[in-house]
Structure formats: structure tokens, C-alpha cells
Amino acid sequence: MAFMALMHVIMVLGLPGASAHHAASAASHHSAQAIPMLAVGVSELVLMFFAAAILNRSRIRGSDLLNAR
């Protein structure tokens, strides 16, 4: 998922060597899809952050339960 988010951001930036599979036809088509692709990349990064935070929190709670016994 992190790689996919990174690739969406790279495609929006238009870095050399990044073939945008979402915007393969024309430059105007690329600019029309830049905002949605950036939104997808940012939402993937936010989702990964919250998933990592929830997993970390559940691990801490699990270890606290084991230490309480």
C-alpha cells in the first residue's frame, strides 16, 4: 500500500520514468486527473498512518494485559 501511495504521488508530480497508467493519453488528460490521483495518494498515506497507530495501540494494550497477570 505504501508503494501504491508513493507511485500515485510520483505520477502527479510527473517525474521522468513514471508512466502514469491513469493518464496515459494526453497532457491535458493528465492535468485533469492530477487532483484525484493526489487525493488518492494522500488518503492512502492517512489510512496507513491510522492503521499503524491502531496496531501499535493494540500491541501496547496486549502487552499491558500480559504484564497485569
N, C-alpha and C. Protein backbone atom coordinates (compact mmCIF):
# COMPACT_ATOMS: atom_id res chain seq x y z
N MET A 1 0.82 -1.19 0.00
CA MET A 1 0.00 0.00 0.00
C MET A 1 0.86 1.25 0.00
N ALA A 2 1.97 1.22 0.71
CA ALA A 2 2.86 2.37 0.74
C ALA A 2 3.45 2.63 -0.64
N PHE A 3 3.79 1.57 -1.35
CA PHE A 3 4.33 1.72 -2.69
C PHE A 3 3.29 2.32 -3.62
N MET A 4 2.04 1.90 -3.50
CA MET A 4 0.99 2.43 -4.35
C MET A 4 0.77 3.91 -4.07
N ALA A 5 0.78 4.30 -2.81
CA ALA A 5 0.62 5.72 -2.47
C ALA A 5 1.78 6.53 -3.02
N LEU A 6 2.99 6.00 -2.89
CA LEU A 6 4.16 6.68 -3.42
C LEU A 6 4.08 6.83 -4.94
N MET A 7 3.62 5.80 -5.61
CA MET A 7 3.51 5.86 -7.08
C MET A 7 2.45 6.87 -7.51
N HIS A 8 1.35 6.99 -6.78
CA HIS A 8 0.35 8.00 -7.13
C HIS A 8 0.93 9.40 -7.00
N VAL A 9 1.68 9.65 -5.95
CA VAL A 9 2.29 10.97 -5.78
C VAL A 9 3.33 11.22 -6.86
N ILE A 10 4.13 10.21 -7.21
CA ILE A 10 5.12 10.37 -8.28
C ILE A 10 4.44 10.67 -9.61
N MET A 11 3.35 9.99 -9.89
CA MET A 11 2.64 10.24 -11.15
C MET A 11 2.06 11.64 -11.20
N VAL A 12 1.60 12.16 -10.07
CA VAL A 12 1.07 13.53 -10.04
C VAL A 12 2.19 14.52 -10.30
N LEU A 13 3.35 14.27 -9.71
CA LEU A 13 4.48 15.17 -9.92
C LEU A 13 5.03 15.10 -11.34
N GLY A 14 4.77 13.99 -12.03
CA GLY A 14 5.24 13.85 -13.40
C GLY A 14 6.73 13.64 -13.50
N LEU A 15 7.30 12.92 -12.57
CA LEU A 15 8.74 12.67 -12.59
C LEU A 15 9.10 11.81 -13.79
N PRO A 16 10.30 12.01 -14.35
CA PRO A 16 10.70 11.21 -15.51
C PRO A 16 10.76 9.73 -15.18
N GLY A 17 10.30 8.92 -16.12
CA GLY A 17 10.32 7.48 -15.93
C GLY A 17 9.08 6.94 -15.26
N ALA A 18 8.21 7.81 -14.79
CA ALA A 18 6.97 7.36 -14.15
C ALA A 18 5.86 7.38 -15.19
N SER A 19 5.56 6.23 -15.73
CA SER A 19 4.49 6.16 -16.72
C SER A 19 3.17 6.11 -15.99
N ALA A 20 2.39 7.13 -16.14
CA ALA A 20 1.13 7.26 -15.42
C ALA A 20 0.08 6.38 -16.08
N HIS A 21 -0.27 5.29 -15.44
CA HIS A 21 -1.27 4.41 -16.02
C HIS A 21 -2.65 5.03 -16.00
N HIS A 22 -2.87 6.00 -15.10
CA HIS A 22 -4.17 6.66 -15.06
C HIS A 22 -4.29 7.73 -16.12
N ALA A 23 -3.19 8.28 -16.57
CA ALA A 23 -3.21 9.40 -17.51
C ALA A 23 -2.26 9.14 -18.66
N ALA A 24 -2.51 8.10 -19.41
CA ALA A 24 -1.59 7.69 -20.46
C ALA A 24 -1.85 8.36 -21.80
N SER A 25 -2.96 9.06 -21.97
CA SER A 25 -3.29 9.54 -23.30
C SER A 25 -2.68 10.90 -23.63
N ALA A 26 -3.02 11.95 -22.91
CA ALA A 26 -2.55 13.28 -23.27
C ALA A 26 -2.22 14.08 -22.02
N ALA A 27 -1.49 15.17 -22.24
CA ALA A 27 -1.08 16.01 -21.11
C ALA A 27 -2.28 16.66 -20.45
N SER A 28 -3.27 17.08 -21.24
CA SER A 28 -4.46 17.69 -20.65
C SER A 28 -5.23 16.67 -19.82
N HIS A 29 -5.24 15.45 -20.28
CA HIS A 29 -5.89 14.39 -19.51
C HIS A 29 -5.15 14.17 -18.20
N HIS A 30 -3.82 14.28 -18.23
CA HIS A 30 -3.03 14.11 -17.02
C HIS A 30 -3.37 15.20 -16.01
N SER A 31 -3.44 16.44 -16.45
CA SER A 31 -3.74 17.52 -15.51
C SER A 31 -5.16 17.41 -14.97
N ALA A 32 -6.07 16.83 -15.74
CA ALA A 32 -7.44 16.66 -15.26
C ALA A 32 -7.52 15.60 -14.18
N GLN A 33 -6.60 14.63 -14.20
CA GLN A 33 -6.63 13.58 -13.20
C GLN A 33 -5.61 13.77 -12.09
N ALA A 34 -4.87 14.85 -12.12
CA ALA A 34 -3.82 15.07 -11.12
C ALA A 34 -4.41 15.23 -9.72
N ILE A 35 -5.47 16.01 -9.60
CA ILE A 35 -6.06 16.26 -8.28
C ILE A 35 -6.66 14.98 -7.69
N PRO A 36 -7.46 14.22 -8.44
CA PRO A 36 -7.97 12.97 -7.86
C PRO A 36 -6.87 11.98 -7.50
N MET A 37 -5.82 11.92 -8.33
CA MET A 37 -4.73 10.99 -8.04
C MET A 37 -3.96 11.42 -6.79
N LEU A 38 -3.78 12.73 -6.63
CA LEU A 38 -3.14 13.24 -5.42
C LEU A 38 -4.01 12.94 -4.20
N ALA A 39 -5.31 13.08 -4.35
CA ALA A 39 -6.23 12.78 -3.24
C ALA A 39 -6.15 11.30 -2.86
N VAL A 40 -6.04 10.44 -3.86
CA VAL A 40 -5.91 9.00 -3.59
C VAL A 40 -4.62 8.73 -2.84
N GLY A 41 -3.51 9.33 -3.29
CA GLY A 41 -2.22 9.12 -2.63
C GLY A 41 -2.23 9.60 -1.19
N VAL A 42 -2.80 10.78 -0.96
CA VAL A 42 -2.85 11.33 0.40
C VAL A 42 -3.77 10.48 1.28
N SER A 43 -4.92 10.05 0.74
CA SER A 43 -5.81 9.23 1.56
C SER A 43 -5.18 7.87 1.90
N GLU A 44 -4.39 7.32 0.97
CA GLU A 44 -3.69 6.07 1.27
C GLU A 44 -2.67 6.28 2.38
N LEU A 45 -1.95 7.39 2.35
CA LEU A 45 -0.97 7.67 3.41
C LEU A 45 -1.65 7.88 4.76
N VAL A 46 -2.79 8.58 4.77
CA VAL A 46 -3.53 8.80 6.01
C VAL A 46 -4.06 7.47 6.55
N LEU A 47 -4.58 6.63 5.66
CA LEU A 47 -5.06 5.31 6.07
C LEU A 47 -3.94 4.48 6.68
N MET A 48 -2.76 4.51 6.06
CA MET A 48 -1.62 3.75 6.60
C MET A 48 -1.21 4.28 7.98
N PHE A 49 -1.24 5.59 8.15
CA PHE A 49 -0.88 6.17 9.44
C PHE A 49 -1.82 5.69 10.55
N PHE A 50 -3.13 5.76 10.28
CA PHE A 50 -4.09 5.35 11.30
C PHE A 50 -4.05 3.84 11.54
N ALA A 51 -3.81 3.06 10.50
CA ALA A 51 -3.70 1.61 10.69
C ALA A 51 -2.49 1.29 11.57
N ALA A 52 -1.37 1.97 11.33
CA ALA A 52 -0.17 1.75 12.15
C ALA A 52 -0.42 2.18 13.59
N ALA A 53 -1.13 3.30 13.78
CA ALA A 53 -1.42 3.77 15.14
C ALA A 53 -2.32 2.79 15.88
N ILE A 54 -3.32 2.26 15.20
CA ILE A 54 -4.23 1.30 15.84
C ILE A 54 -3.49 0.00 16.17
N LEU A 55 -2.65 -0.48 15.25
CA LEU A 55 -1.88 -1.69 15.54
C LEU A 55 -0.93 -1.48 16.72
N ASN A 56 -0.29 -0.34 16.77
CA ASN A 56 0.62 -0.04 17.87
C ASN A 56 -0.13 0.01 19.19
N ARG A 57 -1.29 0.63 19.17
CA ARG A 57 -2.09 0.74 20.39
C ARG A 57 -2.56 -0.63 20.86
N SER A 58 -2.95 -1.49 19.92
CA SER A 58 -3.42 -2.82 20.31
C SER A 58 -2.27 -3.67 20.85
N ARG A 59 -1.08 -3.49 20.31
CA ARG A 59 0.08 -4.22 20.85
C ARG A 59 0.42 -3.76 22.26
N ILE A 60 0.33 -2.47 22.49
CA ILE A 60 0.62 -1.94 23.84
C ILE A 60 -0.41 -2.47 24.83
N ARG A 61 -1.69 -2.46 24.44
CA ARG A 61 -2.73 -2.98 25.33
C ARG A 61 -2.54 -4.46 25.58
N GLY A 62 -2.15 -5.20 24.56
CA GLY A 62 -1.93 -6.64 24.72
C GLY A 62 -0.79 -6.94 25.66
N SER A 63 0.27 -6.16 25.57
CA SER A 63 1.41 -6.38 26.47
C SER A 63 1.06 -5.95 27.89
N ASP A 64 0.23 -4.92 28.03
CA ASP A 64 -0.20 -4.50 29.36
C ASP A 64 -1.06 -5.57 30.03
N LEU A 65 -1.89 -6.23 29.25
CA LEU A 65 -2.73 -7.29 29.79
C LEU A 65 -1.88 -8.49 30.24
N LEU A 66 -0.85 -8.79 29.48
CA LEU A 66 0.02 -9.90 29.86
C LEU A 66 0.83 -9.57 31.11
N ASN A 67 1.25 -8.32 31.26
CA ASN A 67 2.04 -7.92 32.43
C ASN A 67 1.18 -7.81 33.68
N ALA A 68 -0.13 -7.59 33.53
CA ALA A 68 -1.00 -7.43 34.68
C ALA A 68 -1.27 -8.76 35.39
N ARG A 69 -1.07 -9.87 34.70
CA ARG A 69 -1.35 -11.19 35.31
C ARG A 69 -0.32 -11.61 36.27
